[in-house]
Amino acid sequence: MKIQSTKDEWPFADSKNVAVFTTTQIVRLRQPILQVSHDDEDCAWQFHTGAQQVSAGDAMIVALEEMVEHDPTICELADLPCGWFAERDSVGSPWRRAQR
């Protein structure tokens, strides 16, 4: 089931302004989100490009809403349980979900 966010409908259980982890490659360089994790211990969201070479200096904390604005297709993962991750080969490819 594909869920798309609209201005009137927010698909995530978390609020729009919840802090999430991502990288400068996504926020500043506008690279695609290809990996998403919903961490096990604290249920924090992480959004990554899938690149192997990411340093601590690339880390950013932004609002979940900013990630949705960057790529509305992540709304398809709004029901991703804590302790799970999803990945895809490219934007437009289907998400593959798995438990950590």
PDB file of N, CA and C in Angstrom:
ATOM      1  N   MET A   1       0.841  -1.180   0.000  1.00  0.00           N
ATOM      2  CA  MET A   1       0.000   0.000   0.000  1.00  0.00           C
ATOM      3  C   MET A   1       0.885   1.243   0.000  1.00  0.00           C
ATOM      4  N   LYS A   2       0.683   2.118  -0.923  1.00  0.00           N
ATOM      5  CA  LYS A   2       1.467   3.340  -0.995  1.00  0.00           C
ATOM      6  C   LYS A   2       0.722   4.457  -0.276  1.00  0.00           C
ATOM      7  N   ILE A   3       1.451   5.113   0.608  1.00  0.00           N
ATOM      8  CA  ILE A   3       0.891   6.227   1.372  1.00  0.00           C
ATOM      9  C   ILE A   3       1.620   7.485   0.951  1.00  0.00           C
ATOM     10  N   GLN A   4       0.911   8.465   0.534  1.00  0.00           N
ATOM     11  CA  GLN A   4       1.501   9.747   0.175  1.00  0.00           C
ATOM     12  C   GLN A   4       1.024  10.792   1.165  1.00  0.00           C
ATOM     13  N   SER A   5       1.922  11.649   1.550  1.00  0.00           N
ATOM     14  CA  SER A   5       1.573  12.714   2.477  1.00  0.00           C
ATOM     15  C   SER A   5       0.894  13.854   1.729  1.00  0.00           C
ATOM     16  N   THR A   6      -0.097  14.412   2.346  1.00  0.00           N
ATOM     17  CA  THR A   6      -0.711  15.624   1.822  1.00  0.00           C
ATOM     18  C   THR A   6      -0.626  16.673   2.910  1.00  0.00           C
ATOM     19  N   LYS A   7      -0.990  17.888   2.575  1.00  0.00           N
ATOM     20  CA  LYS A   7      -0.944  18.954   3.573  1.00  0.00           C
ATOM     21  C   LYS A   7      -1.889  18.666   4.734  1.00  0.00           C
ATOM     22  N   ASP A   8      -2.980  17.942   4.478  1.00  0.00           N
ATOM     23  CA  ASP A   8      -3.984  17.680   5.504  1.00  0.00           C
ATOM     24  C   ASP A   8      -3.763  16.363   6.234  1.00  0.00           C
ATOM     25  N   GLU A   9      -2.913  15.504   5.716  1.00  0.00           N
ATOM     26  CA  GLU A   9      -2.762  14.161   6.257  1.00  0.00           C
ATOM     27  C   GLU A   9      -1.293  13.879   6.553  1.00  0.00           C
ATOM     28  N   TRP A  10      -0.985  13.490   7.771  1.00  0.00           N
ATOM     29  CA  TRP A  10       0.384  13.163   8.172  1.00  0.00           C
ATOM     30  C   TRP A  10       0.410  11.671   8.502  1.00  0.00           C
ATOM     31  N   PRO A  11       1.129  10.860   7.734  1.00  0.00           N
ATOM     32  CA  PRO A  11       1.062   9.408   7.903  1.00  0.00           C
ATOM     33  C   PRO A  11       1.894   8.835   9.053  1.00  0.00           C
ATOM     34  N   PHE A  12       2.855   9.581   9.565  1.00  0.00           N
ATOM     35  CA  PHE A  12       3.732   9.075  10.618  1.00  0.00           C
ATOM     36  C   PHE A  12       3.088   9.213  11.996  1.00  0.00           C
ATOM     37  N   ALA A  13       3.376   8.261  12.881  1.00  0.00           N
ATOM     38  CA  ALA A  13       2.933   8.372  14.271  1.00  0.00           C
ATOM     39  C   ALA A  13       3.715   9.481  14.978  1.00  0.00           C
ATOM     40  N   ASP A  14       4.964   9.703  14.552  1.00  0.00           N
ATOM     41  CA  ASP A  14       5.785  10.776  15.107  1.00  0.00           C
ATOM     42  C   ASP A  14       5.316  12.127  14.567  1.00  0.00           C
ATOM     43  N   SER A  15       5.548  13.171  15.343  1.00  0.00           N
ATOM     44  CA  SER A  15       5.169  14.509  14.897  1.00  0.00           C
ATOM     45  C   SER A  15       6.086  14.988  13.772  1.00  0.00           C
ATOM     46  N   LYS A  16       5.637  15.981  13.053  1.00  0.00           N
ATOM     47  CA  LYS A  16       6.406  16.529  11.939  1.00  0.00           C
ATOM     48  C   LYS A  16       7.760  17.073  12.375  1.00  0.00           C
ATOM     49  N   ASN A  17       7.836  17.563  13.603  1.00  0.00           N
ATOM     50  CA  ASN A  17       9.078  18.196  14.055  1.00  0.00           C
ATOM     51  C   ASN A  17       9.974  17.268  14.876  1.00  0.00           C
ATOM     52  N   VAL A  18       9.683  15.962  14.875  1.00  0.00           N
ATOM     53  CA  VAL A  18      10.558  15.040  15.596  1.00  0.00           C
ATOM     54  C   VAL A  18      11.937  15.052  14.925  1.00  0.00           C
ATOM     55  N   ALA A  19      12.981  15.019  15.738  1.00  0.00           N
ATOM     56  CA  ALA A  19      14.349  15.047  15.217  1.00  0.00           C
ATOM     57  C   ALA A  19      14.705  13.693  14.612  1.00  0.00           C
ATOM     58  N   VAL A  20      15.301  13.731  13.424  1.00  0.00           N
ATOM     59  CA  VAL A  20      15.766  12.521  12.749  1.00  0.00           C
ATOM     60  C   VAL A  20      17.217  12.716  12.331  1.00  0.00           C
ATOM     61  N   PHE A  21      17.895  11.626  12.092  1.00  0.00           N
ATOM     62  CA  PHE A  21      19.291  11.660  11.691  1.00  0.00           C
ATOM     63  C   PHE A  21      19.415  11.482  10.183  1.00  0.00           C
ATOM     64  N   THR A  22      20.288  12.259   9.585  1.00  0.00           N
ATOM     65  CA  THR A  22      20.548  12.155   8.154  1.00  0.00           C
ATOM     66  C   THR A  22      21.954  12.673   7.893  1.00  0.00           C
ATOM     67  N   THR A  23      22.245  12.979   6.649  1.00  0.00           N
ATOM     68  CA  THR A  23      23.588  13.437   6.285  1.00  0.00           C
ATOM     69  C   THR A  23      23.533  14.684   5.413  1.00  0.00           C
ATOM     70  N   THR A  24      24.668  15.356   5.334  1.00  0.00           N
ATOM     71  CA  THR A  24      24.771  16.530   4.464  1.00  0.00           C
ATOM     72  C   THR A  24      24.565  16.157   3.006  1.00  0.00           C
ATOM     73  N   GLN A  25      24.891  14.915   2.642  1.00  0.00           N
ATOM     74  CA  GLN A  25      24.702  14.487   1.255  1.00  0.00           C
ATOM     75  C   GLN A  25      23.232  14.564   0.845  1.00  0.00           C
ATOM     76  N   ILE A  26      22.344  14.239   1.767  1.00  0.00           N
ATOM     77  CA  ILE A  26      20.914  14.301   1.478  1.00  0.00           C
ATOM     78  C   ILE A  26      20.400  15.732   1.569  1.00  0.00           C
ATOM     79  N   VAL A  27      20.699  16.420   2.659  1.00  0.00           N
ATOM     80  CA  VAL A  27      20.121  17.744   2.890  1.00  0.00           C
ATOM     81  C   VAL A  27      20.743  18.815   1.997  1.00  0.00           C
ATOM     82  N   ARG A  28      22.048  18.858   1.941  1.00  0.00           N
ATOM     83  CA  ARG A  28      22.711  19.941   1.203  1.00  0.00           C
ATOM     84  C   ARG A  28      22.993  19.606  -0.258  1.00  0.00           C
ATOM     85  N   LEU A  29      23.359  18.344  -0.525  1.00  0.00           N
ATOM     86  CA  LEU A  29      23.697  17.949  -1.899  1.00  0.00           C
ATOM     87  C   LEU A  29      22.511  17.335  -2.638  1.00  0.00           C
ATOM     88  N   ARG A  30      21.379  17.188  -1.932  1.00  0.00           N
ATOM     89  CA  ARG A  30      20.122  16.709  -2.518  1.00  0.00           C
ATOM     90  C   ARG A  30      20.234  15.315  -3.130  1.00  0.00           C
ATOM     91  N   GLN A  31      21.075  14.460  -2.529  1.00  0.00           N
ATOM     92  CA  GLN A  31      21.182  13.082  -2.994  1.00  0.00           C
ATOM     93  C   GLN A  31      19.958  12.294  -2.528  1.00  0.00           C
ATOM     94  N   PRO A  32      19.649  11.187  -3.186  1.00  0.00           N
ATOM     95  CA  PRO A  32      18.432  10.436  -2.852  1.00  0.00           C
ATOM     96  C   PRO A  32      18.546   9.654  -1.548  1.00  0.00           C
ATOM     97  N   ILE A  33      17.393   9.465  -0.921  1.00  0.00           N
ATOM     98  CA  ILE A  33      17.290   8.613   0.263  1.00  0.00           C
ATOM     99  C   ILE A  33      17.088   7.185  -0.236  1.00  0.00           C
ATOM    100  N   LEU A  34      18.055   6.323   0.042  1.00  0.00           N
ATOM    101  CA  LEU A  34      17.979   4.933  -0.404  1.00  0.00           C
ATOM    102  C   LEU A  34      17.964   3.937   0.753  1.00  0.00           C
ATOM    103  N   GLN A  35      18.266   4.420   1.955  1.00  0.00           N
ATOM    104  CA  GLN A  35      18.223   3.567   3.144  1.00  0.00           C
ATOM    105  C   GLN A  35      17.548   4.328   4.287  1.00  0.00           C
ATOM    106  N   VAL A  36      16.642   3.646   4.963  1.00  0.00           N
ATOM    107  CA  VAL A  36      15.932   4.229   6.107  1.00  0.00           C
ATOM    108  C   VAL A  36      15.959   3.200   7.228  1.00  0.00           C
ATOM    109  N   SER A  37      16.266   3.646   8.426  1.00  0.00           N
ATOM    110  CA  SER A  37      16.169   2.740   9.570  1.00  0.00           C
ATOM    111  C   SER A  37      15.334   3.392  10.664  1.00  0.00           C
ATOM    112  N   HIS A  38      14.617   2.542  11.369  1.00  0.00           N
ATOM    113  CA  HIS A  38      13.807   2.955  12.516  1.00  0.00           C
ATOM    114  C   HIS A  38      14.392   2.188  13.690  1.00  0.00           C
ATOM    115  N   ASP A  39      15.306   2.814  14.397  1.00  0.00           N
ATOM    116  CA  ASP A  39      16.162   2.148  15.373  1.00  0.00           C
ATOM    117  C   ASP A  39      15.381   1.398  16.439  1.00  0.00           C
ATOM    118  N   ASP A  40      16.020   0.351  16.928  1.00  0.00           N
ATOM    119  CA  ASP A  40      15.410  -0.564  17.884  1.00  0.00           C
ATOM    120  C   ASP A  40      15.250   0.038  19.275  1.00  0.00           C
ATOM    121  N   GLU A  41      16.311   0.590  19.829  1.00  0.00           N
ATOM    122  CA  GLU A  41      16.291   1.032  21.231  1.00  0.00           C
ATOM    123  C   GLU A  41      15.458   2.285  21.473  1.00  0.00           C
ATOM    124  N   ASP A  42      15.628   3.296  20.637  1.00  0.00           N
ATOM    125  CA  ASP A  42      14.950   4.572  20.877  1.00  0.00           C
ATOM    126  C   ASP A  42      13.938   4.946  19.790  1.00  0.00           C
ATOM    127  N   CYS A  43      13.752   4.080  18.828  1.00  0.00           N
ATOM    128  CA  CYS A  43      12.823   4.303  17.706  1.00  0.00           C
ATOM    129  C   CYS A  43      13.160   5.559  16.905  1.00  0.00           C
ATOM    130  N   ALA A  44      14.428   5.963  16.919  1.00  0.00           N
ATOM    131  CA  ALA A  44      14.852   7.113  16.123  1.00  0.00           C
ATOM    132  C   ALA A  44      14.880   6.728  14.649  1.00  0.00           C
ATOM    133  N   TRP A  45      14.558   7.699  13.801  1.00  0.00           N
ATOM    134  CA  TRP A  45      14.614   7.518  12.352  1.00  0.00           C
ATOM    135  C   TRP A  45      15.973   7.955  11.835  1.00  0.00           C
ATOM    136  N   GLN A  46      16.487   7.217  10.838  1.00  0.00           N
ATOM    137  CA  GLN A  46      17.709   7.595  10.141  1.00  0.00           C
ATOM    138  C   GLN A  46      17.461   7.482   8.644  1.00  0.00           C
ATOM    139  N   PHE A  47      17.968   8.471   7.892  1.00  0.00           N
ATOM    140  CA  PHE A  47      17.799   8.520   6.439  1.00  0.00           C
ATOM    141  C   PHE A  47      19.166   8.673   5.791  1.00  0.00           C
ATOM    142  N   HIS A  48      19.512   7.728   4.907  1.00  0.00           N
ATOM    143  CA  HIS A  48      20.850   7.703   4.319  1.00  0.00           C
ATOM    144  C   HIS A  48      20.797   7.470   2.808  1.00  0.00           C
ATOM    145  N   THR A  49      21.915   7.776   2.163  1.00  0.00           N
ATOM    146  CA  THR A  49      22.041   7.578   0.711  1.00  0.00           C
ATOM    147  C   THR A  49      22.430   6.158   0.354  1.00  0.00           C
ATOM    148  N   GLY A  50      22.988   5.440   1.296  1.00  0.00           N
ATOM    149  CA  GLY A  50      23.496   4.107   1.010  1.00  0.00           C
ATOM    150  C   GLY A  50      24.974   4.108   0.694  1.00  0.00           C
ATOM    151  N   ALA A  51      25.593   5.278   0.671  1.00  0.00           N
ATOM    152  CA  ALA A  51      27.026   5.380   0.396  1.00  0.00           C
ATOM    153  C   ALA A  51      27.814   4.752   1.534  1.00  0.00           C
ATOM    154  N   GLN A  52      28.890   4.088   1.190  1.00  0.00           N
ATOM    155  CA  GLN A  52      29.733   3.448   2.193  1.00  0.00           C
ATOM    156  C   GLN A  52      30.588   4.460   2.950  1.00  0.00           C
ATOM    157  N   GLN A  53      30.984   5.524   2.312  1.00  0.00           N
ATOM    158  CA  GLN A  53      31.912   6.490   2.900  1.00  0.00           C
ATOM    159  C   GLN A  53      31.173   7.706   3.449  1.00  0.00           C
ATOM    160  N   VAL A  54      30.756   7.620   4.695  1.00  0.00           N
ATOM    161  CA  VAL A  54      30.105   8.735   5.376  1.00  0.00           C
ATOM    162  C   VAL A  54      30.841   8.939   6.690  1.00  0.00           C
ATOM    163  N   SER A  55      31.223  10.167   6.954  1.00  0.00           N
ATOM    164  CA  SER A  55      31.948  10.448   8.188  1.00  0.00           C
ATOM    165  C   SER A  55      31.026  11.090   9.220  1.00  0.00           C
ATOM    166  N   ALA A  56      31.499  11.145  10.451  1.00  0.00           N
ATOM    167  CA  ALA A  56      30.729  11.778  11.527  1.00  0.00           C
ATOM    168  C   ALA A  56      30.464  13.248  11.202  1.00  0.00           C
ATOM    169  N   GLY A  57      31.356  13.884  10.466  1.00  0.00           N
ATOM    170  CA  GLY A  57      31.179  15.275  10.064  1.00  0.00           C
ATOM    171  C   GLY A  57      30.040  15.481   9.089  1.00  0.00           C
ATOM    172  N   ASP A  58      29.558  14.403   8.481  1.00  0.00           N
ATOM    173  CA  ASP A  58      28.432  14.482   7.540  1.00  0.00           C
ATOM    174  C   ASP A  58      27.082  14.407   8.245  1.00  0.00           C
ATOM    175  N   ALA A  59      27.075  14.059   9.526  1.00  0.00           N
ATOM    176  CA  ALA A  59      25.827  13.848  10.256  1.00  0.00           C
ATOM    177  C   ALA A  59      25.063  15.155  10.453  1.00  0.00           C
ATOM    178  N   MET A  60      23.747  15.054  10.349  1.00  0.00           N
ATOM    179  CA  MET A  60      22.849  16.192  10.578  1.00  0.00           C
ATOM    180  C   MET A  60      21.625  15.690  11.335  1.00  0.00           C
ATOM    181  N   ILE A  61      21.027  16.577  12.095  1.00  0.00           N
ATOM    182  CA  ILE A  61      19.744  16.315  12.744  1.00  0.00           C
ATOM    183  C   ILE A  61      18.773  17.341  12.194  1.00  0.00           C
ATOM    184  N   VAL A  62      17.684  16.849  11.629  1.00  0.00           N
ATOM    185  CA  VAL A  62      16.653  17.712  11.034  1.00  0.00           C
ATOM    186  C   VAL A  62      15.281  17.190  11.444  1.00  0.00           C
ATOM    187  N   ALA A  63      14.248  17.913  11.089  1.00  0.00           N
ATOM    188  CA  ALA A  63      12.878  17.489  11.379  1.00  0.00           C
ATOM    189  C   ALA A  63      12.418  16.452  10.358  1.00  0.00           C
ATOM    190  N   LEU A  64      11.599  15.517  10.810  1.00  0.00           N
ATOM    191  CA  LEU A  64      11.044  14.499   9.923  1.00  0.00           C
ATOM    192  C   LEU A  64      10.337  15.130   8.735  1.00  0.00           C
ATOM    193  N   GLU A  65       9.660  16.219   8.970  1.00  0.00           N
ATOM    194  CA  GLU A  65       8.954  16.917   7.897  1.00  0.00           C
ATOM    195  C   GLU A  65       9.906  17.319   6.766  1.00  0.00           C
ATOM    196  N   GLU A  66      11.132  17.691   7.108  1.00  0.00           N
ATOM    197  CA  GLU A  66      12.108  18.074   6.086  1.00  0.00           C
ATOM    198  C   GLU A  66      12.471  16.879   5.205  1.00  0.00           C
ATOM    199  N   MET A  67      12.536  15.705   5.788  1.00  0.00           N
ATOM    200  CA  MET A  67      12.825  14.503   4.996  1.00  0.00           C
ATOM    201  C   MET A  67      11.666  14.191   4.057  1.00  0.00           C
ATOM    202  N   VAL A  68      10.433  14.372   4.532  1.00  0.00           N
ATOM    203  CA  VAL A  68       9.256  14.138   3.691  1.00  0.00           C
ATOM    204  C   VAL A  68       9.223  15.141   2.538  1.00  0.00           C
ATOM    205  N   GLU A  69       9.590  16.383   2.813  1.00  0.00           N
ATOM    206  CA  GLU A  69       9.644  17.386   1.742  1.00  0.00           C
ATOM    207  C   GLU A  69      10.708  17.026   0.712  1.00  0.00           C
ATOM    208  N   HIS A  70      11.830  16.481   1.177  1.00  0.00           N
ATOM    209  CA  HIS A  70      12.909  16.068   0.280  1.00  0.00           C
ATOM    210  C   HIS A  70      12.462  14.906  -0.612  1.00  0.00           C
ATOM    211  N   ASP A  71      11.742  13.950  -0.025  1.00  0.00           N
ATOM    212  CA  ASP A  71      11.301  12.763  -0.764  1.00  0.00           C
ATOM    213  C   ASP A  71      10.002  12.229  -0.170  1.00  0.00           C
ATOM    214  N   PRO A  72       8.860  12.642  -0.721  1.00  0.00           N
ATOM    215  CA  PRO A  72       7.565  12.202  -0.186  1.00  0.00           C
ATOM    216  C   PRO A  72       7.356  10.687  -0.218  1.00  0.00           C
ATOM    217  N   THR A  73       8.124   9.947  -1.016  1.00  0.00           N
ATOM    218  CA  THR A  73       7.928   8.492  -1.070  1.00  0.00           C
ATOM    219  C   THR A  73       8.330   7.810   0.223  1.00  0.00           C
ATOM    220  N   ILE A  74       9.044   8.498   1.108  1.00  0.00           N
ATOM    221  CA  ILE A  74       9.359   7.868   2.395  1.00  0.00           C
ATOM    222  C   ILE A  74       8.103   7.696   3.247  1.00  0.00           C
ATOM    223  N   CYS A  75       7.022   8.363   2.883  1.00  0.00           N
ATOM    224  CA  CYS A  75       5.753   8.168   3.593  1.00  0.00           C
ATOM    225  C   CYS A  75       5.284   6.722   3.475  1.00  0.00           C
ATOM    226  N   GLU A  76       5.755   6.008   2.460  1.00  0.00           N
ATOM    227  CA  GLU A  76       5.441   4.590   2.315  1.00  0.00           C
ATOM    228  C   GLU A  76       5.990   3.792   3.493  1.00  0.00           C
ATOM    229  N   LEU A  77       6.937   4.369   4.226  1.00  0.00           N
ATOM    230  CA  LEU A  77       7.587   3.682   5.345  1.00  0.00           C
ATOM    231  C   LEU A  77       7.070   4.153   6.704  1.00  0.00           C
ATOM    232  N   ALA A  78       5.993   4.924   6.715  1.00  0.00           N
ATOM    233  CA  ALA A  78       5.472   5.484   7.968  1.00  0.00           C
ATOM    234  C   ALA A  78       5.131   4.397   8.988  1.00  0.00           C
ATOM    235  N   ASP A  79       4.797   3.206   8.527  1.00  0.00           N
ATOM    236  CA  ASP A  79       4.446   2.105   9.428  1.00  0.00           C
ATOM    237  C   ASP A  79       5.621   1.164   9.700  1.00  0.00           C
ATOM    238  N   LEU A  80       6.843   1.569   9.326  1.00  0.00           N
ATOM    239  CA  LEU A  80       8.023   0.736   9.568  1.00  0.00           C
ATOM    240  C   LEU A  80       8.229   0.580  11.073  1.00  0.00           C
ATOM    241  N   PRO A  81       8.195  -0.642  11.582  1.00  0.00           N
ATOM    242  CA  PRO A  81       8.330  -0.825  13.036  1.00  0.00           C
ATOM    243  C   PRO A  81       9.738  -0.475  13.543  1.00  0.00           C
ATOM    244  N   CYS A  82       9.821  -0.141  14.813  1.00  0.00           N
ATOM    245  CA  CYS A  82      11.132   0.067  15.438  1.00  0.00           C
ATOM    246  C   CYS A  82      11.913  -1.242  15.342  1.00  0.00           C
ATOM    247  N   GLY A  83      13.202  -1.123  15.035  1.00  0.00           N
ATOM    248  CA  GLY A  83      14.043  -2.296  14.864  1.00  0.00           C
ATOM    249  C   GLY A  83      14.076  -2.812  13.440  1.00  0.00           C
ATOM    250  N   TRP A  84      13.460  -2.091  12.516  1.00  0.00           N
ATOM    251  CA  TRP A  84      13.434  -2.486  11.104  1.00  0.00           C
ATOM    252  C   TRP A  84      14.165  -1.441  10.273  1.00  0.00           C
ATOM    253  N   PHE A  85      14.525  -1.838   9.055  1.00  0.00           N
ATOM    254  CA  PHE A  85      15.113  -0.921   8.092  1.00  0.00           C
ATOM    255  C   PHE A  85      14.515  -1.205   6.727  1.00  0.00           C
ATOM    256  N   ALA A  86      14.690  -0.267   5.833  1.00  0.00           N
ATOM    257  CA  ALA A  86      14.227  -0.432   4.452  1.00  0.00           C
ATOM    258  C   ALA A  86      15.288   0.145   3.526  1.00  0.00           C
ATOM    259  N   GLU A  87      15.393  -0.445   2.353  1.00  0.00           N
ATOM    260  CA  GLU A  87      16.334   0.062   1.360  1.00  0.00           C
ATOM    261  C   GLU A  87      15.753  -0.152  -0.029  1.00  0.00           C
ATOM    262  N   ARG A  88      16.314   0.593  -0.973  1.00  0.00           N
ATOM    263  CA  ARG A  88      15.895   0.463  -2.364  1.00  0.00           C
ATOM    264  C   ARG A  88      17.103   0.788  -3.242  1.00  0.00           C
ATOM    265  N   ASP A  89      17.014   0.392  -4.495  1.00  0.00           N
ATOM    266  CA  ASP A  89      18.131   0.586  -5.421  1.00  0.00           C
ATOM    267  C   ASP A  89      18.206   2.009  -5.966  1.00  0.00           C
ATOM    268  N   SER A  90      17.058   2.637  -6.138  1.00  0.00           N
ATOM    269  CA  SER A  90      17.006   4.001  -6.673  1.00  0.00           C
ATOM    270  C   SER A  90      15.646   4.593  -6.352  1.00  0.00           C
ATOM    271  N   VAL A  91      15.527   5.903  -6.522  1.00  0.00           N
ATOM    272  CA  VAL A  91      14.236   6.557  -6.331  1.00  0.00           C
ATOM    273  C   VAL A  91      13.264   5.959  -7.345  1.00  0.00           C
ATOM    274  N   GLY A  92      12.096   5.591  -6.883  1.00  0.00           N
ATOM    275  CA  GLY A  92      11.111   4.961  -7.755  1.00  0.00           C
ATOM    276  C   GLY A  92      11.127   3.441  -7.655  1.00  0.00           C
ATOM    277  N   SER A  93      12.233   2.874  -7.176  1.00  0.00           N
ATOM    278  CA  SER A  93      12.297   1.429  -6.956  1.00  0.00           C
ATOM    279  C   SER A  93      11.516   1.089  -5.697  1.00  0.00           C
ATOM    280  N   PRO A  94      11.015  -0.137  -5.611  1.00  0.00           N
ATOM    281  CA  PRO A  94      10.276  -0.516  -4.395  1.00  0.00           C
ATOM    282  C   PRO A  94      11.197  -0.625  -3.186  1.00  0.00           C
ATOM    283  N   TRP A  95      10.651  -0.286  -2.038  1.00  0.00           N
ATOM    284  CA  TRP A  95      11.383  -0.442  -0.778  1.00  0.00           C
ATOM    285  C   TRP A  95      11.392  -1.902  -0.387  1.00  0.00           C
ATOM    286  N   ARG A  96      12.527  -2.402   0.090  1.00  0.00           N
ATOM    287  CA  ARG A  96      12.649  -3.740   0.665  1.00  0.00           C
ATOM    288  C   ARG A  96      12.804  -3.569   2.163  1.00  0.00           C
ATOM    289  N   ARG A  97      11.932  -4.190   2.923  1.00  0.00           N
ATOM    290  CA  ARG A  97      11.922  -4.059   4.379  1.00  0.00           C
ATOM    291  C   ARG A  97      12.523  -5.311   5.031  1.00  0.00           C
ATOM    292  N   ALA A  98      13.197  -5.111   6.140  1.00  0.00           N
ATOM    293  CA  ALA A  98      13.728  -6.245   6.897  1.00  0.00           C
ATOM    294  C   ALA A  98      13.927  -5.831   8.358  1.00  0.00           C
ATOM    295  N   GLN A  99      13.859  -6.824   9.212  1.00  0.00           N
ATOM    296  CA  GLN A  99      14.099  -6.583  10.634  1.00  0.00           C
ATOM    297  C   GLN A  99      15.577  -6.703  10.913  1.00  0.00           C
ATOM    298  N   ARG A 100      16.088  -5.853  11.771  1.00  0.00           N
ATOM    299  CA  ARG A 100      17.524  -5.912  12.139  1.00  0.00           C
ATOM    300  C   ARG A 100      17.764  -7.056  13.073  1.00  0.00           C
TER     301      ARG A 100
END
